[in-house]
Amino acid sequence: QGLSYRKLGEKEKADSLFAVLVNTGRERLKPGFASEYFAKFGEQQSKRFQEAEAHYLLGEGYAVKGDFEGMNREFEASLAISPKFEQQIKASREKYWVRAFNNGVNKFNAQAYEEAAKDFLTATIVDPSRAEAYVNAATAYLVLDSLNKAVEIVESGLEHAPDDPKLLALAGDLYLR
């Protein structure tokens, strides 16, 4: 619903729904929630499952708000507790990575290089292990004549994907400039 409201230009309604999602996750992390939950619904879910679910929901809430660092923090907390939501987390990361990356490609093709670079950098936050976003962000900065920024991005990419051939080739090219 929140995404629909956002697309319709009703930002306040969308933000309100996203806030409910984030608050629900926070409430589930509070001490005593499990006993209230069990009394209300009669389900015997483990506390670990409840905590993993709460962190997963918080991650989703942060993602919808565009806070991908918060998303990753909560997703990692969920996975540290239980692998129960691993597939949903992978799917969410993929969805937001593809969205950011494709937005970057579209802006790059429209010669909006600075905006393209921002979208590629967002993709690197969503999933730091995917080298393509680092390569494209660095390329956008090269087009903008920002060699130092391009080098910085490639070096960051190499920390996360040290064996990626395109990233290594770009690093070699940049170091020779």
N, C-alpha and C. Protein backbone atom coordinates (compact mmCIF):
# COMPACT_ATOMS: atom_id res chain seq x y z
N GLN A 1 0.81 -1.19 0.00
CA GLN A 1 0.00 0.00 0.00
C GLN A 1 0.86 1.26 0.00
N GLY A 2 1.91 1.23 0.83
CA GLY A 2 2.77 2.39 0.92
C GLY A 2 3.40 2.75 -0.41
N LEU A 3 3.85 1.74 -1.15
CA LEU A 3 4.44 2.00 -2.46
C LEU A 3 3.40 2.57 -3.42
N SER A 4 2.17 2.09 -3.34
CA SER A 4 1.10 2.61 -4.19
C SER A 4 0.83 4.07 -3.87
N TYR A 5 0.74 4.37 -2.58
CA TYR A 5 0.52 5.77 -2.20
C TYR A 5 1.66 6.65 -2.69
N ARG A 6 2.90 6.15 -2.58
CA ARG A 6 4.04 6.93 -3.02
C ARG A 6 3.95 7.21 -4.52
N LYS A 7 3.59 6.19 -5.30
CA LYS A 7 3.47 6.38 -6.75
C LYS A 7 2.35 7.35 -7.10
N LEU A 8 1.33 7.40 -6.27
CA LEU A 8 0.22 8.32 -6.50
C LEU A 8 0.52 9.73 -6.00
N GLY A 9 1.71 9.91 -5.43
CA GLY A 9 2.11 11.23 -4.96
C GLY A 9 1.61 11.56 -3.56
N GLU A 10 1.09 10.56 -2.85
CA GLU A 10 0.60 10.79 -1.49
C GLU A 10 1.67 10.35 -0.50
N LYS A 11 2.72 11.18 -0.43
CA LYS A 11 3.89 10.86 0.37
C LYS A 11 3.57 10.70 1.85
N GLU A 12 2.69 11.53 2.41
CA GLU A 12 2.39 11.45 3.83
C GLU A 12 1.73 10.12 4.19
N LYS A 13 0.80 9.66 3.36
CA LYS A 13 0.15 8.37 3.62
C LYS A 13 1.16 7.24 3.50
N ALA A 14 2.04 7.32 2.50
CA ALA A 14 3.05 6.29 2.30
C ALA A 14 4.00 6.26 3.50
N ASP A 15 4.51 7.43 3.90
CA ASP A 15 5.43 7.48 5.03
C ASP A 15 4.78 6.97 6.31
N SER A 16 3.50 7.24 6.48
CA SER A 16 2.78 6.76 7.66
C SER A 16 2.75 5.23 7.68
N LEU A 17 2.49 4.61 6.55
CA LEU A 17 2.46 3.15 6.48
C LEU A 17 3.85 2.56 6.71
N PHE A 18 4.88 3.20 6.15
CA PHE A 18 6.24 2.71 6.34
C PHE A 18 6.64 2.83 7.82
N ALA A 19 6.21 3.91 8.47
CA ALA A 19 6.50 4.09 9.89
C ALA A 19 5.86 2.98 10.72
N VAL A 20 4.65 2.57 10.34
CA VAL A 20 3.97 1.48 11.04
C VAL A 20 4.79 0.19 10.91
N LEU A 21 5.31 -0.07 9.73
CA LEU A 21 6.12 -1.27 9.51
C LEU A 21 7.37 -1.26 10.38
N VAL A 22 8.06 -0.14 10.40
CA VAL A 22 9.27 -0.03 11.22
C VAL A 22 8.93 -0.14 12.70
N ASN A 23 7.87 0.52 13.13
CA ASN A 23 7.47 0.47 14.54
C ASN A 23 7.04 -0.93 14.95
N THR A 24 6.39 -1.66 14.05
CA THR A 24 6.00 -3.04 14.34
C THR A 24 7.23 -3.88 14.61
N GLY A 25 8.24 -3.73 13.79
CA GLY A 25 9.49 -4.46 14.01
C GLY A 25 10.12 -4.10 15.34
N ARG A 26 10.14 -2.81 15.66
CA ARG A 26 10.72 -2.38 16.94
C ARG A 26 9.94 -2.94 18.12
N GLU A 27 8.62 -2.94 18.03
CA GLU A 27 7.78 -3.48 19.10
C GLU A 27 8.06 -4.95 19.34
N ARG A 28 8.28 -5.67 18.26
CA ARG A 28 8.53 -7.11 18.39
C ARG A 28 9.87 -7.40 19.03
N LEU A 29 10.75 -6.42 19.03
CA LEU A 29 12.06 -6.61 19.66
C LEU A 29 12.04 -6.27 21.15
N LYS A 30 10.98 -5.65 21.63
CA LYS A 30 10.90 -5.26 23.04
C LYS A 30 10.71 -6.49 23.93
N PRO A 31 11.30 -6.44 25.13
CA PRO A 31 11.09 -7.55 26.08
C PRO A 31 9.59 -7.67 26.40
N GLY A 32 9.14 -8.89 26.56
CA GLY A 32 7.74 -9.12 26.91
C GLY A 32 6.82 -9.26 25.72
N PHE A 33 7.32 -8.93 24.53
CA PHE A 33 6.44 -9.03 23.36
C PHE A 33 5.99 -10.46 23.13
N ALA A 34 6.92 -11.41 23.30
CA ALA A 34 6.60 -12.81 23.00
C ALA A 34 5.44 -13.30 23.83
N SER A 35 5.43 -13.00 25.14
CA SER A 35 4.33 -13.49 25.97
C SER A 35 3.01 -12.84 25.58
N GLU A 36 3.03 -11.56 25.23
CA GLU A 36 1.81 -10.90 24.76
C GLU A 36 1.36 -11.51 23.44
N TYR A 37 2.32 -11.78 22.57
CA TYR A 37 2.02 -12.35 21.26
C TYR A 37 1.40 -13.74 21.42
N PHE A 38 2.02 -14.57 22.27
CA PHE A 38 1.51 -15.92 22.47
C PHE A 38 0.11 -15.88 23.08
N ALA A 39 -0.10 -14.98 24.04
CA ALA A 39 -1.42 -14.88 24.66
C ALA A 39 -2.46 -14.43 23.65
N LYS A 40 -2.08 -13.53 22.78
CA LYS A 40 -3.03 -12.99 21.80
C LYS A 40 -3.34 -13.99 20.69
N PHE A 41 -2.33 -14.68 20.19
CA PHE A 41 -2.52 -15.54 19.03
C PHE A 41 -2.44 -17.03 19.34
N GLY A 42 -1.98 -17.39 20.52
CA GLY A 42 -1.91 -18.79 20.89
C GLY A 42 -0.88 -19.59 20.12
N GLU A 43 0.03 -18.94 19.41
CA GLU A 43 1.05 -19.65 18.65
C GLU A 43 2.29 -19.83 19.51
N GLN A 44 3.00 -20.92 19.28
CA GLN A 44 4.18 -21.22 20.08
C GLN A 44 5.46 -21.01 19.27
N GLN A 45 5.59 -19.84 18.72
CA GLN A 45 6.81 -19.54 17.98
C GLN A 45 7.92 -19.22 18.97
N SER A 46 9.10 -19.62 18.61
CA SER A 46 10.23 -19.38 19.51
C SER A 46 10.57 -17.90 19.55
N LYS A 47 11.20 -17.52 20.63
CA LYS A 47 11.64 -16.13 20.77
C LYS A 47 12.63 -15.78 19.67
N ARG A 48 13.50 -16.74 19.33
CA ARG A 48 14.47 -16.50 18.27
C ARG A 48 13.77 -16.19 16.95
N PHE A 49 12.74 -16.95 16.63
CA PHE A 49 12.00 -16.70 15.40
C PHE A 49 11.38 -15.31 15.43
N GLN A 50 10.82 -14.93 16.56
CA GLN A 50 10.21 -13.61 16.70
C GLN A 50 11.24 -12.50 16.48
N GLU A 51 12.40 -12.67 17.07
CA GLU A 51 13.44 -11.65 16.91
C GLU A 51 13.93 -11.60 15.47
N ALA A 52 14.13 -12.75 14.86
CA ALA A 52 14.57 -12.79 13.46
C ALA A 52 13.53 -12.12 12.57
N GLU A 53 12.27 -12.40 12.82
CA GLU A 53 11.20 -11.80 12.03
C GLU A 53 11.15 -10.29 12.23
N ALA A 54 11.31 -9.86 13.47
CA ALA A 54 11.29 -8.42 13.76
C ALA A 54 12.40 -7.70 13.02
N HIS A 55 13.60 -8.26 13.05
CA HIS A 55 14.72 -7.63 12.34
C HIS A 55 14.47 -7.64 10.83
N TYR A 56 13.92 -8.74 10.33
CA TYR A 56 13.59 -8.80 8.90
C TYR A 56 12.59 -7.71 8.53
N LEU A 57 11.53 -7.56 9.34
CA LEU A 57 10.52 -6.53 9.06
C LEU A 57 11.10 -5.13 9.14
N LEU A 58 11.97 -4.91 10.12
CA LEU A 58 12.64 -3.60 10.20
C LEU A 58 13.46 -3.35 8.95
N GLY A 59 14.17 -4.37 8.49
CA GLY A 59 14.96 -4.23 7.27
C GLY A 59 14.11 -3.86 6.08
N GLU A 60 12.96 -4.51 5.96
CA GLU A 60 12.04 -4.18 4.86
C GLU A 60 11.55 -2.74 4.98
N GLY A 61 11.25 -2.33 6.19
CA GLY A 61 10.79 -0.96 6.41
C GLY A 61 11.85 0.06 6.03
N TYR A 62 13.08 -0.19 6.45
CA TYR A 62 14.17 0.71 6.08
C TYR A 62 14.38 0.74 4.57
N ALA A 63 14.26 -0.42 3.93
CA ALA A 63 14.46 -0.48 2.47
C ALA A 63 13.43 0.37 1.75
N VAL A 64 12.19 0.26 2.15
CA VAL A 64 11.13 1.01 1.50
C VAL A 64 11.35 2.51 1.67
N LYS A 65 11.95 2.90 2.78
CA LYS A 65 12.25 4.31 3.03
C LYS A 65 13.54 4.75 2.34
N GLY A 66 14.26 3.81 1.70
CA GLY A 66 15.50 4.16 1.01
C GLY A 66 16.72 4.15 1.90
N ASP A 67 16.60 3.65 3.14
CA ASP A 67 17.73 3.56 4.05
C ASP A 67 18.32 2.16 3.92
N PHE A 68 19.19 1.98 2.94
CA PHE A 68 19.71 0.65 2.65
C PHE A 68 20.79 0.21 3.63
N GLU A 69 21.44 1.15 4.28
CA GLU A 69 22.37 0.77 5.34
C GLU A 69 21.58 0.19 6.51
N GLY A 70 20.46 0.84 6.86
CA GLY A 70 19.58 0.31 7.90
C GLY A 70 19.01 -1.05 7.51
N MET A 71 18.64 -1.18 6.23
CA MET A 71 18.13 -2.45 5.73
C MET A 71 19.16 -3.55 5.96
N ASN A 72 20.39 -3.31 5.53
CA ASN A 72 21.43 -4.33 5.67
C ASN A 72 21.72 -4.65 7.12
N ARG A 73 21.74 -3.65 7.96
CA ARG A 73 21.99 -3.86 9.39
C ARG A 73 20.93 -4.81 9.98
N GLU A 74 19.66 -4.54 9.68
CA GLU A 74 18.58 -5.36 10.22
C GLU A 74 18.54 -6.74 9.57
N PHE A 75 18.80 -6.81 8.28
CA PHE A 75 18.83 -8.12 7.62
C PHE A 75 19.95 -8.99 8.21
N GLU A 76 21.11 -8.39 8.44
CA GLU A 76 22.22 -9.15 9.01
C GLU A 76 21.88 -9.61 10.43
N ALA A 77 21.20 -8.75 11.19
CA ALA A 77 20.78 -9.14 12.55
C ALA A 77 19.80 -10.31 12.47
N SER A 78 18.89 -10.28 11.52
CA SER A 78 17.93 -11.38 11.35
C SER A 78 18.66 -12.68 11.02
N LEU A 79 19.60 -12.61 10.08
CA LEU A 79 20.32 -13.81 9.66
C LEU A 79 21.24 -14.34 10.76
N ALA A 80 21.75 -13.45 11.62
CA ALA A 80 22.60 -13.88 12.72
C ALA A 80 21.80 -14.70 13.75
N ILE A 81 20.50 -14.43 13.81
CA ILE A 81 19.63 -15.14 14.75
C ILE A 81 19.13 -16.45 14.14
N SER A 82 18.73 -16.38 12.87
CA SER A 82 18.12 -17.55 12.23
C SER A 82 18.17 -17.39 10.71
N PRO A 83 18.30 -18.49 9.99
CA PRO A 83 18.27 -18.42 8.52
C PRO A 83 16.84 -18.42 7.97
N LYS A 84 15.86 -18.35 8.82
CA LYS A 84 14.46 -18.49 8.42
C LYS A 84 14.06 -17.54 7.28
N PHE A 85 14.56 -16.31 7.30
CA PHE A 85 14.14 -15.30 6.32
C PHE A 85 15.20 -15.08 5.24
N GLU A 86 16.13 -16.00 5.11
CA GLU A 86 17.24 -15.84 4.16
C GLU A 86 16.76 -15.64 2.73
N GLN A 87 15.80 -16.43 2.28
CA GLN A 87 15.32 -16.31 0.91
C GLN A 87 14.61 -14.97 0.68
N GLN A 88 13.80 -14.52 1.64
CA GLN A 88 13.13 -13.23 1.51
C GLN A 88 14.15 -12.09 1.49
N ILE A 89 15.18 -12.23 2.31
CA ILE A 89 16.22 -11.20 2.36
C ILE A 89 16.98 -11.14 1.04
N LYS A 90 17.33 -12.30 0.50
CA LYS A 90 18.00 -12.33 -0.80
C LYS A 90 17.13 -11.69 -1.88
N ALA A 91 15.84 -12.01 -1.86
CA ALA A 91 14.92 -11.46 -2.87
C ALA A 91 14.79 -9.95 -2.72
N SER A 92 14.73 -9.46 -1.49
CA SER A 92 14.62 -8.01 -1.28
C SER A 92 15.88 -7.30 -1.74
N ARG A 93 17.02 -7.84 -1.37
CA ARG A 93 18.27 -7.21 -1.80
C ARG A 93 18.37 -7.18 -3.32
N GLU A 94 17.99 -8.28 -3.95
CA GLU A 94 18.04 -8.35 -5.42
C GLU A 94 17.11 -7.30 -6.03
N LYS A 95 15.90 -7.20 -5.50
CA LYS A 95 14.92 -6.24 -6.03
C LYS A 95 15.45 -4.81 -5.93
N TYR A 96 15.96 -4.43 -4.78
CA TYR A 96 16.42 -3.05 -4.60
C TYR A 96 17.73 -2.80 -5.35
N TRP A 97 18.59 -3.82 -5.46
CA TRP A 97 19.82 -3.66 -6.22
C TRP A 97 19.49 -3.45 -7.70
N VAL A 98 18.63 -4.29 -8.25
CA VAL A 98 18.26 -4.18 -9.66
C VAL A 98 17.62 -2.83 -9.94
N ARG A 99 16.76 -2.39 -9.05
CA ARG A 99 16.10 -1.10 -9.24
C ARG A 99 17.13 0.03 -9.28
N ALA A 100 18.04 0.06 -8.32
CA ALA A 100 19.05 1.13 -8.28
C ALA A 100 19.97 1.04 -9.49
N PHE A 101 20.42 -0.17 -9.80
CA PHE A 101 21.35 -0.36 -10.92
C PHE A 101 20.69 0.05 -12.24
N ASN A 102 19.48 -0.41 -12.48
CA ASN A 102 18.78 -0.06 -13.73
C ASN A 102 18.49 1.43 -13.83
N ASN A 103 18.15 2.06 -12.70
CA ASN A 103 17.98 3.51 -12.71
C ASN A 103 19.29 4.19 -13.12
N GLY A 104 20.40 3.67 -12.60
CA GLY A 104 21.70 4.22 -12.97
C GLY A 104 22.00 4.06 -14.46
N VAL A 105 21.70 2.89 -14.99
CA VAL A 105 21.93 2.65 -16.42
C VAL A 105 21.09 3.61 -17.26
N ASN A 106 19.83 3.76 -16.90
CA ASN A 106 18.94 4.66 -17.65
C ASN A 106 19.45 6.11 -17.59
N LYS A 107 19.90 6.54 -16.43
CA LYS A 107 20.41 7.91 -16.31
C LYS A 107 21.73 8.08 -17.05
N PHE A 108 22.58 7.05 -17.00
CA PHE A 108 23.84 7.12 -17.73
C PHE A 108 23.55 7.24 -19.23
N ASN A 109 22.63 6.44 -19.73
CA ASN A 109 22.27 6.49 -21.15
C ASN A 109 21.66 7.83 -21.54
N ALA A 110 21.04 8.50 -20.57
CA ALA A 110 20.46 9.82 -20.81
C ALA A 110 21.50 10.93 -20.56
N GLN A 111 22.75 10.54 -20.33
CA GLN A 111 23.87 11.44 -20.08
C GLN A 111 23.72 12.26 -18.81
N ALA A 112 22.95 11.73 -17.85
CA ALA A 112 22.84 12.34 -16.52
C ALA A 112 23.82 11.59 -15.62
N TYR A 113 25.11 11.84 -15.84
CA TYR A 113 26.16 11.03 -15.25
C TYR A 113 26.25 11.13 -13.73
N GLU A 114 26.07 12.32 -13.20
CA GLU A 114 26.15 12.47 -11.74
C GLU A 114 25.02 11.71 -11.06
N GLU A 115 23.82 11.82 -11.59
CA GLU A 115 22.68 11.08 -11.03
C GLU A 115 22.87 9.58 -11.22
N ALA A 116 23.42 9.18 -12.35
CA ALA A 116 23.69 7.76 -12.60
C ALA A 116 24.66 7.23 -11.56
N ALA A 117 25.72 7.99 -11.30
CA ALA A 117 26.72 7.56 -10.31
C ALA A 117 26.07 7.37 -8.94
N LYS A 118 25.18 8.27 -8.56
CA LYS A 118 24.49 8.15 -7.27
C LYS A 118 23.68 6.86 -7.20
N ASP A 119 22.99 6.53 -8.29
CA ASP A 119 22.21 5.29 -8.30
C ASP A 119 23.11 4.06 -8.24
N PHE A 120 24.23 4.10 -8.96
CA PHE A 120 25.16 2.97 -8.90
C PHE A 120 25.74 2.83 -7.49
N LEU A 121 26.03 3.96 -6.85
CA LEU A 121 26.54 3.90 -5.47
C LEU A 121 25.48 3.37 -4.52
N THR A 122 24.22 3.70 -4.77
CA THR A 122 23.14 3.11 -3.97
C THR A 122 23.14 1.60 -4.13
N ALA A 123 23.33 1.13 -5.35
CA ALA A 123 23.38 -0.31 -5.59
C ALA A 123 24.53 -0.96 -4.81
N THR A 124 25.66 -0.23 -4.68
CA THR A 124 26.79 -0.80 -3.92
C THR A 124 26.46 -0.91 -2.44
N ILE A 125 25.59 -0.06 -1.95
CA ILE A 125 25.16 -0.14 -0.55
C ILE A 125 24.21 -1.32 -0.38
N VAL A 126 23.28 -1.47 -1.31
CA VAL A 126 22.30 -2.56 -1.23
C VAL A 126 23.01 -3.91 -1.22
N ASP A 127 23.96 -4.09 -2.13
CA ASP A 127 24.71 -5.35 -2.18
C ASP A 127 26.16 -5.05 -2.54
N PRO A 128 27.00 -4.87 -1.54
CA PRO A 128 28.39 -4.51 -1.77
C PRO A 128 29.20 -5.57 -2.51
N SER A 129 28.71 -6.78 -2.61
CA SER A 129 29.49 -7.85 -3.24
C SER A 129 29.39 -7.85 -4.76
N ARG A 130 28.52 -7.02 -5.33
CA ARG A 130 28.32 -7.03 -6.79
C ARG A 130 29.14 -5.93 -7.45
N ALA A 131 30.16 -6.38 -8.15
CA ALA A 131 31.16 -5.47 -8.71
C ALA A 131 30.63 -4.57 -9.81
N GLU A 132 29.59 -4.98 -10.53
CA GLU A 132 29.10 -4.20 -11.68
C GLU A 132 28.76 -2.77 -11.29
N ALA A 133 28.19 -2.60 -10.11
CA ALA A 133 27.79 -1.26 -9.70
C ALA A 133 29.01 -0.37 -9.45
N TYR A 134 30.08 -0.94 -8.89
CA TYR A 134 31.31 -0.17 -8.67
C TYR A 134 31.91 0.23 -10.02
N VAL A 135 31.95 -0.70 -10.95
CA VAL A 135 32.51 -0.42 -12.27
C VAL A 135 31.73 0.71 -12.94
N ASN A 136 30.41 0.63 -12.90
CA ASN A 136 29.59 1.65 -13.56
C ASN A 136 29.68 3.00 -12.85
N ALA A 137 29.71 2.99 -11.53
CA ALA A 137 29.84 4.26 -10.79
C ALA A 137 31.17 4.92 -11.12
N ALA A 138 32.24 4.14 -11.12
CA ALA A 138 33.56 4.69 -11.45
C ALA A 138 33.59 5.21 -12.88
N THR A 139 32.95 4.51 -13.79
CA THR A 139 32.89 4.95 -15.19
C THR A 139 32.16 6.28 -15.30
N ALA A 140 31.06 6.40 -14.57
CA ALA A 140 30.31 7.67 -14.59
C ALA A 140 31.19 8.81 -14.09
N TYR A 141 31.96 8.56 -13.03
CA TYR A 141 32.84 9.61 -12.53
C TYR A 141 33.98 9.91 -13.49
N LEU A 142 34.44 8.92 -14.24
CA LEU A 142 35.45 9.20 -15.27
C LEU A 142 34.90 10.13 -16.34
N VAL A 143 33.66 9.89 -16.75
CA VAL A 143 33.02 10.77 -17.74
C VAL A 143 32.92 12.19 -17.19
N LEU A 144 32.75 12.31 -15.88
CA LEU A 144 32.66 13.62 -15.24
C LEU A 144 34.04 14.20 -14.91
N ASP A 145 35.10 13.55 -15.38
CA ASP A 145 36.48 13.98 -15.12
C ASP A 145 36.83 14.01 -13.64
N SER A 146 36.31 13.04 -12.90
CA SER A 146 36.61 12.92 -11.47
C SER A 146 37.41 11.65 -11.22
N LEU A 147 38.67 11.69 -11.66
CA LEU A 147 39.55 10.52 -11.58
C LEU A 147 39.71 10.05 -10.14
N ASN A 148 39.93 10.97 -9.22
CA ASN A 148 40.14 10.57 -7.82
C ASN A 148 38.92 9.85 -7.25
N LYS A 149 37.73 10.35 -7.58
CA LYS A 149 36.50 9.70 -7.10
C LYS A 149 36.36 8.32 -7.74
N ALA A 150 36.69 8.19 -9.00
CA ALA A 150 36.63 6.90 -9.69
C ALA A 150 37.58 5.90 -9.03
N VAL A 151 38.80 6.34 -8.71
CA VAL A 151 39.78 5.47 -8.05
C VAL A 151 39.26 5.04 -6.68
N GLU A 152 38.69 5.97 -5.94
CA GLU A 152 38.14 5.68 -4.61
C GLU A 152 37.06 4.59 -4.70
N ILE A 153 36.20 4.70 -5.68
CA ILE A 153 35.10 3.74 -5.85
C ILE A 153 35.65 2.37 -6.24
N VAL A 154 36.61 2.35 -7.15
CA VAL A 154 37.20 1.07 -7.56
C VAL A 154 37.91 0.40 -6.38
N GLU A 155 38.61 1.17 -5.60
CA GLU A 155 39.29 0.59 -4.44
C GLU A 155 38.29 0.02 -3.44
N SER A 156 37.20 0.72 -3.25
CA SER A 156 36.13 0.20 -2.38
C SER A 156 35.56 -1.09 -2.95
N GLY A 157 35.35 -1.11 -4.25
CA GLY A 157 34.84 -2.31 -4.90
C GLY A 157 35.79 -3.49 -4.74
N LEU A 158 37.08 -3.23 -4.84
CA LEU A 158 38.06 -4.31 -4.69
C LEU A 158 38.09 -4.88 -3.27
N GLU A 159 37.70 -4.08 -2.29
CA GLU A 159 37.59 -4.60 -0.92
C GLU A 159 36.48 -5.65 -0.83
N HIS A 160 35.44 -5.48 -1.62
CA HIS A 160 34.28 -6.38 -1.56
C HIS A 160 34.30 -7.47 -2.61
N ALA A 161 34.94 -7.23 -3.73
CA ALA A 161 35.00 -8.20 -4.83
C ALA A 161 36.42 -8.19 -5.41
N PRO A 162 37.39 -8.69 -4.64
CA PRO A 162 38.79 -8.56 -5.03
C PRO A 162 39.21 -9.34 -6.27
N ASP A 163 38.42 -10.29 -6.70
CA ASP A 163 38.80 -11.11 -7.85
C ASP A 163 37.99 -10.81 -9.11
N ASP A 164 37.18 -9.76 -9.08
CA ASP A 164 36.35 -9.47 -10.25
C ASP A 164 37.23 -8.94 -11.39
N PRO A 165 37.21 -9.61 -12.55
CA PRO A 165 38.11 -9.21 -13.65
C PRO A 165 37.83 -7.81 -14.20
N LYS A 166 36.58 -7.40 -14.30
CA LYS A 166 36.29 -6.06 -14.83
C LYS A 166 36.76 -4.98 -13.86
N LEU A 167 36.56 -5.23 -12.59
CA LEU A 167 37.00 -4.27 -11.58
C LEU A 167 38.53 -4.19 -11.55
N LEU A 168 39.20 -5.33 -11.66
CA LEU A 168 40.67 -5.34 -11.70
C LEU A 168 41.19 -4.63 -12.95
N ALA A 169 40.55 -4.86 -14.09
CA ALA A 169 40.98 -4.20 -15.33
C ALA A 169 40.79 -2.69 -15.23
N LEU A 170 39.66 -2.26 -14.68
CA LEU A 170 39.41 -0.83 -14.51
C LEU A 170 40.41 -0.22 -13.54
N ALA A 171 40.71 -0.93 -12.48
CA ALA A 171 41.71 -0.43 -11.51
C ALA A 171 43.05 -0.23 -12.21
N GLY A 172 43.47 -1.21 -13.01
CA GLY A 172 44.74 -1.07 -13.74
C GLY A 172 44.73 0.13 -14.67
N ASP A 173 43.61 0.31 -15.38
CA ASP A 173 43.48 1.45 -16.29
C ASP A 173 43.56 2.77 -15.51
N LEU A 174 42.87 2.84 -14.38
CA LEU A 174 42.85 4.08 -13.61
C LEU A 174 44.23 4.39 -13.02
N TYR A 175 44.94 3.37 -12.55
CA TYR A 175 46.24 3.60 -11.96
C TYR A 175 47.28 4.05 -13.00
N LEU A 176 47.02 3.72 -14.27
CA LEU A 176 47.95 4.15 -15.31
C LEU A 176 47.67 5.58 -15.79
N ARG A 177 46.55 6.15 -15.40
CA ARG A 177 46.21 7.51 -15.85
C ARG A 177 46.99 8.58 -15.10
